[in-house]
Amino acid sequence: MATHHYVGVRGFVGESLGYVACVDTDWVAWVGGAAAWMVRVRDPWIGWSRPQPGARRKFVVNHARFLMLPDVPLPNLASQTLAQTAQRLR
């Protein structure tokens, strides 16, 4: 992350989740994120009342960072990584 991502290795605020995509034992991609503290349009759309976001935020995932290592010539690596991450989150 420090070498290849423009944001670097700064951590997330609050609870966060990250996944590493591997081929054999080599890391080829990384996906991570944390739920935003408050999103004015998200909370009413979900149907949360005023006190609910604090207790339920842990069930929301925002995709904050995505890194594919540049020297990995695998076709559809981004799509495969994001699809497998979405399946794990269910």
PDB file of N, CA and C in Angstrom:
ATOM      1  N   MET A   1       0.825  -1.184   0.000  1.00  0.00           N
ATOM      2  CA  MET A   1       0.000   0.000   0.000  1.00  0.00           C
ATOM      3  C   MET A   1       0.872   1.251   0.000  1.00  0.00           C
ATOM      4  N   ALA A   2       1.873   1.245   0.821  1.00  0.00           N
ATOM      5  CA  ALA A   2       2.712   2.439   0.924  1.00  0.00           C
ATOM      6  C   ALA A   2       3.396   2.754  -0.401  1.00  0.00           C
ATOM      7  N   THR A   3       3.735   1.738  -1.156  1.00  0.00           N
ATOM      8  CA  THR A   3       4.451   1.933  -2.402  1.00  0.00           C
ATOM      9  C   THR A   3       3.537   2.232  -3.581  1.00  0.00           C
ATOM     10  N   HIS A   4       2.367   1.591  -3.648  1.00  0.00           N
ATOM     11  CA  HIS A   4       1.568   1.632  -4.866  1.00  0.00           C
ATOM     12  C   HIS A   4       0.257   2.417  -4.791  1.00  0.00           C
ATOM     13  N   HIS A   5      -0.283   2.692  -3.614  1.00  0.00           N
ATOM     14  CA  HIS A   5      -1.561   3.399  -3.531  1.00  0.00           C
ATOM     15  C   HIS A   5      -1.313   4.872  -3.240  1.00  0.00           C
ATOM     16  N   TYR A   6      -2.045   5.751  -3.923  1.00  0.00           N
ATOM     17  CA  TYR A   6      -1.799   7.182  -3.785  1.00  0.00           C
ATOM     18  C   TYR A   6      -2.147   7.709  -2.390  1.00  0.00           C
ATOM     19  N   VAL A   7      -3.007   7.035  -1.640  1.00  0.00           N
ATOM     20  CA  VAL A   7      -3.336   7.452  -0.280  1.00  0.00           C
ATOM     21  C   VAL A   7      -2.316   6.909   0.716  1.00  0.00           C
ATOM     22  N   GLY A   8      -1.669   5.830   0.364  1.00  0.00           N
ATOM     23  CA  GLY A   8      -0.679   5.231   1.254  1.00  0.00           C
ATOM     24  C   GLY A   8      -1.308   4.275   2.233  1.00  0.00           C
ATOM     25  N   VAL A   9      -0.771   4.212   3.442  1.00  0.00           N
ATOM     26  CA  VAL A   9      -1.219   3.227   4.421  1.00  0.00           C
ATOM     27  C   VAL A   9      -2.000   3.846   5.579  1.00  0.00           C
ATOM     28  N   ARG A  10      -2.491   5.048   5.408  1.00  0.00           N
ATOM     29  CA  ARG A  10      -3.282   5.643   6.485  1.00  0.00           C
ATOM     30  C   ARG A  10      -4.439   4.712   6.833  1.00  0.00           C
ATOM     31  N   GLY A  11      -4.701   4.591   8.116  1.00  0.00           N
ATOM     32  CA  GLY A  11      -5.772   3.707   8.567  1.00  0.00           C
ATOM     33  C   GLY A  11      -7.144   4.332   8.389  1.00  0.00           C
ATOM     34  N   PHE A  12      -8.160   3.537   8.631  1.00  0.00           N
ATOM     35  CA  PHE A  12      -9.537   3.997   8.576  1.00  0.00           C
ATOM     36  C   PHE A  12      -9.980   4.420   9.968  1.00  0.00           C
ATOM     37  N   VAL A  13     -11.006   5.244  10.039  1.00  0.00           N
ATOM     38  CA  VAL A  13     -11.567   5.648  11.317  1.00  0.00           C
ATOM     39  C   VAL A  13     -12.678   4.670  11.672  1.00  0.00           C
ATOM     40  N   GLY A  14     -12.665   4.166  12.886  1.00  0.00           N
ATOM     41  CA  GLY A  14     -13.707   3.242  13.336  1.00  0.00           C
ATOM     42  C   GLY A  14     -13.442   1.823  12.891  1.00  0.00           C
ATOM     43  N   GLU A  15     -14.506   1.015  12.947  1.00  0.00           N
ATOM     44  CA  GLU A  15     -14.383  -0.381  12.543  1.00  0.00           C
ATOM     45  C   GLU A  15     -14.134  -0.455  11.046  1.00  0.00           C
ATOM     46  N   SER A  16     -13.225  -1.313  10.655  1.00  0.00           N
ATOM     47  CA  SER A  16     -12.904  -1.427   9.235  1.00  0.00           C
ATOM     48  C   SER A  16     -12.706  -2.896   8.876  1.00  0.00           C
ATOM     49  N   LEU A  17     -12.660  -3.128   7.574  1.00  0.00           N
ATOM     50  CA  LEU A  17     -12.525  -4.485   7.071  1.00  0.00           C
ATOM     51  C   LEU A  17     -11.647  -4.443   5.840  1.00  0.00           C
ATOM     52  N   GLY A  18     -10.760  -5.411   5.703  1.00  0.00           N
ATOM     53  CA  GLY A  18      -9.900  -5.474   4.530  1.00  0.00           C
ATOM     54  C   GLY A  18      -9.721  -6.901   4.058  1.00  0.00           C
ATOM     55  N   TYR A  19      -9.584  -7.070   2.763  1.00  0.00           N
ATOM     56  CA  TYR A  19      -9.353  -8.384   2.172  1.00  0.00           C
ATOM     57  C   TYR A  19      -8.146  -8.320   1.251  1.00  0.00           C
ATOM     58  N   VAL A  20      -7.346  -9.362   1.279  1.00  0.00           N
ATOM     59  CA  VAL A  20      -6.202  -9.505   0.384  1.00  0.00           C
ATOM     60  C   VAL A  20      -6.538 -10.591  -0.625  1.00  0.00           C
ATOM     61  N   ALA A  21      -6.339 -10.308  -1.903  1.00  0.00           N
ATOM     62  CA  ALA A  21      -6.526 -11.316  -2.948  1.00  0.00           C
ATOM     63  C   ALA A  21      -5.164 -11.926  -3.251  1.00  0.00           C
ATOM     64  N   CYS A  22      -5.112 -13.249  -3.263  1.00  0.00           N
ATOM     65  CA  CYS A  22      -3.851 -13.961  -3.485  1.00  0.00           C
ATOM     66  C   CYS A  22      -3.956 -14.905  -4.671  1.00  0.00           C
ATOM     67  N   VAL A  23      -2.850 -15.079  -5.345  1.00  0.00           N
ATOM     68  CA  VAL A  23      -2.689 -16.137  -6.332  1.00  0.00           C
ATOM     69  C   VAL A  23      -1.544 -16.984  -5.801  1.00  0.00           C
ATOM     70  N   ASP A  24      -1.850 -18.228  -5.519  1.00  0.00           N
ATOM     71  CA  ASP A  24      -0.954 -19.095  -4.763  1.00  0.00           C
ATOM     72  C   ASP A  24      -0.698 -18.407  -3.417  1.00  0.00           C
ATOM     73  N   THR A  25       0.512 -17.970  -3.152  1.00  0.00           N
ATOM     74  CA  THR A  25       0.780 -17.260  -1.900  1.00  0.00           C
ATOM     75  C   THR A  25       1.149 -15.803  -2.133  1.00  0.00           C
ATOM     76  N   ASP A  26       1.062 -15.348  -3.374  1.00  0.00           N
ATOM     77  CA  ASP A  26       1.436 -13.970  -3.709  1.00  0.00           C
ATOM     78  C   ASP A  26       0.231 -13.042  -3.624  1.00  0.00           C
ATOM     79  N   TRP A  27       0.401 -11.898  -2.951  1.00  0.00           N
ATOM     80  CA  TRP A  27      -0.645 -10.886  -2.886  1.00  0.00           C
ATOM     81  C   TRP A  27      -0.750 -10.201  -4.243  1.00  0.00           C
ATOM     82  N   VAL A  28      -1.966 -10.066  -4.760  1.00  0.00           N
ATOM     83  CA  VAL A  28      -2.155  -9.414  -6.061  1.00  0.00           C
ATOM     84  C   VAL A  28      -3.096  -8.212  -5.979  1.00  0.00           C
ATOM     85  N   ALA A  29      -3.932  -8.140  -4.931  1.00  0.00           N
ATOM     86  CA  ALA A  29      -4.863  -7.019  -4.787  1.00  0.00           C
ATOM     87  C   ALA A  29      -5.293  -6.895  -3.332  1.00  0.00           C
ATOM     88  N   TRP A  30      -5.814  -5.701  -2.974  1.00  0.00           N
ATOM     89  CA  TRP A  30      -6.290  -5.444  -1.628  1.00  0.00           C
ATOM     90  C   TRP A  30      -7.510  -4.545  -1.711  1.00  0.00           C
ATOM     91  N   VAL A  31      -8.534  -4.870  -0.924  1.00  0.00           N
ATOM     92  CA  VAL A  31      -9.758  -4.076  -0.837  1.00  0.00           C
ATOM     93  C   VAL A  31     -10.013  -3.790   0.627  1.00  0.00           C
ATOM     94  N   GLY A  32     -10.348  -2.558   0.956  1.00  0.00           N
ATOM     95  CA  GLY A  32     -10.635  -2.236   2.347  1.00  0.00           C
ATOM     96  C   GLY A  32     -11.582  -1.072   2.475  1.00  0.00           C
ATOM     97  N   GLY A  33     -12.181  -0.960   3.648  1.00  0.00           N
ATOM     98  CA  GLY A  33     -13.082   0.155   3.878  1.00  0.00           C
ATOM     99  C   GLY A  33     -13.675   0.139   5.272  1.00  0.00           C
ATOM    100  N   ALA A  34     -14.400   1.199   5.564  1.00  0.00           N
ATOM    101  CA  ALA A  34     -15.110   1.346   6.831  1.00  0.00           C
ATOM    102  C   ALA A  34     -16.377   2.137   6.542  1.00  0.00           C
ATOM    103  N   ALA A  35     -17.392   1.930   7.350  1.00  0.00           N
ATOM    104  CA  ALA A  35     -18.651   2.644   7.136  1.00  0.00           C
ATOM    105  C   ALA A  35     -18.479   4.123   7.466  1.00  0.00           C
ATOM    106  N   ALA A  36     -19.028   4.971   6.625  1.00  0.00           N
ATOM    107  CA  ALA A  36     -19.004   6.411   6.885  1.00  0.00           C
ATOM    108  C   ALA A  36     -19.824   6.707   8.132  1.00  0.00           C
ATOM    109  N   TRP A  37     -19.382   7.648   8.944  1.00  0.00           N
ATOM    110  CA  TRP A  37     -20.035   7.959  10.208  1.00  0.00           C
ATOM    111  C   TRP A  37     -21.487   8.376   9.997  1.00  0.00           C
ATOM    112  N   MET A  38     -21.708   9.289   9.084  1.00  0.00           N
ATOM    113  CA  MET A  38     -23.064   9.741   8.824  1.00  0.00           C
ATOM    114  C   MET A  38     -23.162  10.163   7.363  1.00  0.00           C
ATOM    115  N   VAL A  39     -24.176   9.671   6.689  1.00  0.00           N
ATOM    116  CA  VAL A  39     -24.448  10.073   5.322  1.00  0.00           C
ATOM    117  C   VAL A  39     -25.909  10.513   5.294  1.00  0.00           C
ATOM    118  N   ARG A  40     -26.129  11.781   5.087  1.00  0.00           N
ATOM    119  CA  ARG A  40     -27.456  12.366   5.223  1.00  0.00           C
ATOM    120  C   ARG A  40     -28.514  11.661   4.380  1.00  0.00           C
ATOM    121  N   VAL A  41     -28.180  11.212   3.178  1.00  0.00           N
ATOM    122  CA  VAL A  41     -29.168  10.541   2.337  1.00  0.00           C
ATOM    123  C   VAL A  41     -29.236   9.037   2.593  1.00  0.00           C
ATOM    124  N   ARG A  42     -28.143   8.445   3.067  1.00  0.00           N
ATOM    125  CA  ARG A  42     -28.128   6.999   3.304  1.00  0.00           C
ATOM    126  C   ARG A  42     -29.040   6.600   4.454  1.00  0.00           C
ATOM    127  N   ASP A  43     -28.930   7.263   5.580  1.00  0.00           N
ATOM    128  CA  ASP A  43     -29.628   6.838   6.781  1.00  0.00           C
ATOM    129  C   ASP A  43     -31.150   6.828   6.619  1.00  0.00           C
ATOM    130  N   PRO A  44     -31.770   7.890   6.092  1.00  0.00           N
ATOM    131  CA  PRO A  44     -33.224   7.818   5.877  1.00  0.00           C
ATOM    132  C   PRO A  44     -33.605   6.809   4.789  1.00  0.00           C
ATOM    133  N   TRP A  45     -32.766   6.659   3.769  1.00  0.00           N
ATOM    134  CA  TRP A  45     -33.064   5.715   2.689  1.00  0.00           C
ATOM    135  C   TRP A  45     -33.126   4.290   3.235  1.00  0.00           C
ATOM    136  N   ILE A  46     -32.211   3.956   4.154  1.00  0.00           N
ATOM    137  CA  ILE A  46     -32.220   2.638   4.781  1.00  0.00           C
ATOM    138  C   ILE A  46     -33.439   2.493   5.691  1.00  0.00           C
ATOM    139  N   GLY A  47     -33.925   3.613   6.214  1.00  0.00           N
ATOM    140  CA  GLY A  47     -35.076   3.583   7.109  1.00  0.00           C
ATOM    141  C   GLY A  47     -34.701   3.716   8.576  1.00  0.00           C
ATOM    142  N   TRP A  48     -33.475   4.193   8.829  1.00  0.00           N
ATOM    143  CA  TRP A  48     -33.023   4.345  10.201  1.00  0.00           C
ATOM    144  C   TRP A  48     -33.645   5.574  10.837  1.00  0.00           C
ATOM    145  N   SER A  49     -34.089   5.424  12.095  1.00  0.00           N
ATOM    146  CA  SER A  49     -34.525   6.576  12.869  1.00  0.00           C
ATOM    147  C   SER A  49     -33.283   7.262  13.442  1.00  0.00           C
ATOM    148  N   ARG A  50     -33.475   8.340  14.139  1.00  0.00           N
ATOM    149  CA  ARG A  50     -32.353   9.139  14.652  1.00  0.00           C
ATOM    150  C   ARG A  50     -31.337   8.338  15.483  1.00  0.00           C
ATOM    151  N   PRO A  51     -31.748   7.487  16.456  1.00  0.00           N
ATOM    152  CA  PRO A  51     -30.742   6.790  17.277  1.00  0.00           C
ATOM    153  C   PRO A  51     -30.156   5.528  16.643  1.00  0.00           C
ATOM    154  N   GLN A  52     -30.724   5.034  15.564  1.00  0.00           N
ATOM    155  CA  GLN A  52     -30.289   3.746  15.025  1.00  0.00           C
ATOM    156  C   GLN A  52     -28.921   3.725  14.338  1.00  0.00           C
ATOM    157  N   PRO A  53     -28.479   4.756  13.651  1.00  0.00           N
ATOM    158  CA  PRO A  53     -27.199   4.630  12.939  1.00  0.00           C
ATOM    159  C   PRO A  53     -26.026   4.212  13.806  1.00  0.00           C
ATOM    160  N   GLY A  54     -25.941   4.692  15.023  1.00  0.00           N
ATOM    161  CA  GLY A  54     -24.822   4.327  15.886  1.00  0.00           C
ATOM    162  C   GLY A  54     -24.746   2.832  16.152  1.00  0.00           C
ATOM    163  N   ALA A  55     -25.891   2.198  16.323  1.00  0.00           N
ATOM    164  CA  ALA A  55     -25.914   0.766  16.626  1.00  0.00           C
ATOM    165  C   ALA A  55     -25.810  -0.096  15.374  1.00  0.00           C
ATOM    166  N   ARG A  56     -26.217   0.436  14.243  1.00  0.00           N
ATOM    167  CA  ARG A  56     -26.293  -0.387  13.032  1.00  0.00           C
ATOM    168  C   ARG A  56     -25.220  -0.098  11.989  1.00  0.00           C
ATOM    169  N   ARG A  57     -24.389   0.864  12.248  1.00  0.00           N
ATOM    170  CA  ARG A  57     -23.360   1.242  11.272  1.00  0.00           C
ATOM    171  C   ARG A  57     -22.426   0.078  10.948  1.00  0.00           C
ATOM    172  N   LYS A  58     -22.244  -0.835  11.888  1.00  0.00           N
ATOM    173  CA  LYS A  58     -21.342  -1.970  11.662  1.00  0.00           C
ATOM    174  C   LYS A  58     -21.852  -2.910  10.567  1.00  0.00           C
ATOM    175  N   PHE A  59     -23.117  -2.755  10.154  1.00  0.00           N
ATOM    176  CA  PHE A  59     -23.675  -3.586   9.090  1.00  0.00           C
ATOM    177  C   PHE A  59     -23.539  -2.951   7.710  1.00  0.00           C
ATOM    178  N   VAL A  60     -22.919  -1.766   7.636  1.00  0.00           N
ATOM    179  CA  VAL A  60     -22.760  -1.042   6.376  1.00  0.00           C
ATOM    180  C   VAL A  60     -21.294  -1.067   5.977  1.00  0.00           C
ATOM    181  N   VAL A  61     -21.032  -1.297   4.702  1.00  0.00           N
ATOM    182  CA  VAL A  61     -19.654  -1.327   4.221  1.00  0.00           C
ATOM    183  C   VAL A  61     -19.487  -0.316   3.096  1.00  0.00           C
ATOM    184  N   ASN A  62     -18.481   0.499   3.203  1.00  0.00           N
ATOM    185  CA  ASN A  62     -18.103   1.409   2.118  1.00  0.00           C
ATOM    186  C   ASN A  62     -16.790   0.913   1.538  1.00  0.00           C
ATOM    187  N   HIS A  63     -16.714   0.930   0.254  1.00  0.00           N
ATOM    188  CA  HIS A  63     -15.476   0.552  -0.426  1.00  0.00           C
ATOM    189  C   HIS A  63     -14.611   1.812  -0.458  1.00  0.00           C
ATOM    190  N   ALA A  64     -13.576   1.850   0.360  1.00  0.00           N
ATOM    191  CA  ALA A  64     -12.753   3.047   0.478  1.00  0.00           C
ATOM    192  C   ALA A  64     -11.445   2.960  -0.304  1.00  0.00           C
ATOM    193  N   ARG A  65     -10.851   1.784  -0.332  1.00  0.00           N
ATOM    194  CA  ARG A  65      -9.582   1.636  -1.053  1.00  0.00           C
ATOM    195  C   ARG A  65      -9.550   0.330  -1.814  1.00  0.00           C
ATOM    196  N   PHE A  66      -8.977   0.403  -2.988  1.00  0.00           N
ATOM    197  CA  PHE A  66      -8.835  -0.774  -3.838  1.00  0.00           C
ATOM    198  C   PHE A  66      -7.487  -0.662  -4.522  1.00  0.00           C
ATOM    199  N   LEU A  67      -6.670  -1.666  -4.377  1.00  0.00           N
ATOM    200  CA  LEU A  67      -5.339  -1.646  -4.968  1.00  0.00           C
ATOM    201  C   LEU A  67      -5.083  -2.954  -5.688  1.00  0.00           C
ATOM    202  N   MET A  68      -4.719  -2.845  -6.945  1.00  0.00           N
ATOM    203  CA  MET A  68      -4.227  -4.001  -7.705  1.00  0.00           C
ATOM    204  C   MET A  68      -2.750  -3.744  -7.949  1.00  0.00           C
ATOM    205  N   LEU A  69      -1.924  -4.693  -7.621  1.00  0.00           N
ATOM    206  CA  LEU A  69      -0.492  -4.498  -7.835  1.00  0.00           C
ATOM    207  C   LEU A  69      -0.208  -4.381  -9.332  1.00  0.00           C
ATOM    208  N   PRO A  70       0.635  -3.446  -9.713  1.00  0.00           N
ATOM    209  CA  PRO A  70       0.833  -3.151 -11.131  1.00  0.00           C
ATOM    210  C   PRO A  70       1.536  -4.238 -11.934  1.00  0.00           C
ATOM    211  N   ASP A  71       2.292  -5.095 -11.303  1.00  0.00           N
ATOM    212  CA  ASP A  71       3.069  -6.093 -12.041  1.00  0.00           C
ATOM    213  C   ASP A  71       2.340  -7.429 -12.191  1.00  0.00           C
ATOM    214  N   VAL A  72       1.035  -7.442 -11.993  1.00  0.00           N
ATOM    215  CA  VAL A  72       0.269  -8.684 -12.057  1.00  0.00           C
ATOM    216  C   VAL A  72      -0.578  -8.680 -13.328  1.00  0.00           C
ATOM    217  N   PRO A  73      -0.170  -9.423 -14.354  1.00  0.00           N
ATOM    218  CA  PRO A  73      -0.887  -9.398 -15.635  1.00  0.00           C
ATOM    219  C   PRO A  73      -2.021 -10.421 -15.720  1.00  0.00           C
ATOM    220  N   LEU A  74      -2.943 -10.397 -14.770  1.00  0.00           N
ATOM    221  CA  LEU A  74      -4.067 -11.334 -14.789  1.00  0.00           C
ATOM    222  C   LEU A  74      -5.288 -10.661 -15.405  1.00  0.00           C
ATOM    223  N   PRO A  75      -5.922 -11.290 -16.391  1.00  0.00           N
ATOM    224  CA  PRO A  75      -7.111 -10.690 -16.986  1.00  0.00           C
ATOM    225  C   PRO A  75      -8.272 -10.686 -15.975  1.00  0.00           C
ATOM    226  N   ASN A  76      -9.028  -9.615 -15.968  1.00  0.00           N
ATOM    227  CA  ASN A  76     -10.217  -9.472 -15.120  1.00  0.00           C
ATOM    228  C   ASN A  76      -9.920  -9.537 -13.623  1.00  0.00           C
ATOM    229  N   LEU A  77      -8.716  -9.188 -13.224  1.00  0.00           N
ATOM    230  CA  LEU A  77      -8.357  -9.257 -11.811  1.00  0.00           C
ATOM    231  C   LEU A  77      -9.245  -8.346 -10.966  1.00  0.00           C
ATOM    232  N   ALA A  78      -9.493  -7.143 -11.418  1.00  0.00           N
ATOM    233  CA  ALA A  78     -10.317  -6.206 -10.645  1.00  0.00           C
ATOM    234  C   ALA A  78     -11.726  -6.747 -10.475  1.00  0.00           C
ATOM    235  N   SER A  79     -12.341  -7.197 -11.548  1.00  0.00           N
ATOM    236  CA  SER A  79     -13.709  -7.709 -11.476  1.00  0.00           C
ATOM    237  C   SER A  79     -13.800  -8.939 -10.584  1.00  0.00           C
ATOM    238  N   GLN A  80     -12.855  -9.838 -10.707  1.00  0.00           N
ATOM    239  CA  GLN A  80     -12.863 -11.048  -9.890  1.00  0.00           C
ATOM    240  C   GLN A  80     -12.679 -10.719  -8.411  1.00  0.00           C
ATOM    241  N   THR A  81     -11.777  -9.796  -8.115  1.00  0.00           N
ATOM    242  CA  THR A  81     -11.521  -9.418  -6.724  1.00  0.00           C
ATOM    243  C   THR A  81     -12.750  -8.782  -6.104  1.00  0.00           C
ATOM    244  N   LEU A  82     -13.366  -7.838  -6.808  1.00  0.00           N
ATOM    245  CA  LEU A  82     -14.553  -7.177  -6.269  1.00  0.00           C
ATOM    246  C   LEU A  82     -15.727  -8.138  -6.138  1.00  0.00           C
ATOM    247  N   ALA A  83     -15.908  -9.045  -7.089  1.00  0.00           N
ATOM    248  CA  ALA A  83     -16.996 -10.016  -7.024  1.00  0.00           C
ATOM    249  C   ALA A  83     -16.819 -10.951  -5.831  1.00  0.00           C
ATOM    250  N   GLN A  84     -15.615 -11.437  -5.610  1.00  0.00           N
ATOM    251  CA  GLN A  84     -15.384 -12.348  -4.487  1.00  0.00           C
ATOM    252  C   GLN A  84     -15.517 -11.623  -3.150  1.00  0.00           C
ATOM    253  N   THR A  85     -15.122 -10.369  -3.095  1.00  0.00           N
ATOM    254  CA  THR A  85     -15.290  -9.585  -1.875  1.00  0.00           C
ATOM    255  C   THR A  85     -16.777  -9.412  -1.568  1.00  0.00           C
ATOM    256  N   ALA A  86     -17.557  -9.083  -2.576  1.00  0.00           N
ATOM    257  CA  ALA A  86     -19.009  -8.910  -2.385  1.00  0.00           C
ATOM    258  C   ALA A  86     -19.656 -10.204  -1.908  1.00  0.00           C
ATOM    259  N   GLN A  87     -19.217 -11.340  -2.418  1.00  0.00           N
ATOM    260  CA  GLN A  87     -19.768 -12.623  -1.982  1.00  0.00           C
ATOM    261  C   GLN A  87     -19.446 -12.898  -0.509  1.00  0.00           C
ATOM    262  N   ARG A  88     -18.260 -12.553  -0.089  1.00  0.00           N
ATOM    263  CA  ARG A  88     -17.866 -12.783   1.311  1.00  0.00           C
ATOM    264  C   ARG A  88     -18.668 -11.906   2.260  1.00  0.00           C
ATOM    265  N   LEU A  89     -19.005 -10.711   1.834  1.00  0.00           N
ATOM    266  CA  LEU A  89     -19.725  -9.787   2.702  1.00  0.00           C
ATOM    267  C   LEU A  89     -21.169 -10.206   2.956  1.00  0.00           C
ATOM    268  N   ARG A  90     -21.729 -10.985   2.061  1.00  0.00           N
ATOM    269  CA  ARG A  90     -23.119 -11.427   2.274  1.00  0.00           C
ATOM    270  C   ARG A  90     -23.192 -12.228   3.524  1.00  0.00           C
TER     271      ARG A  90
END
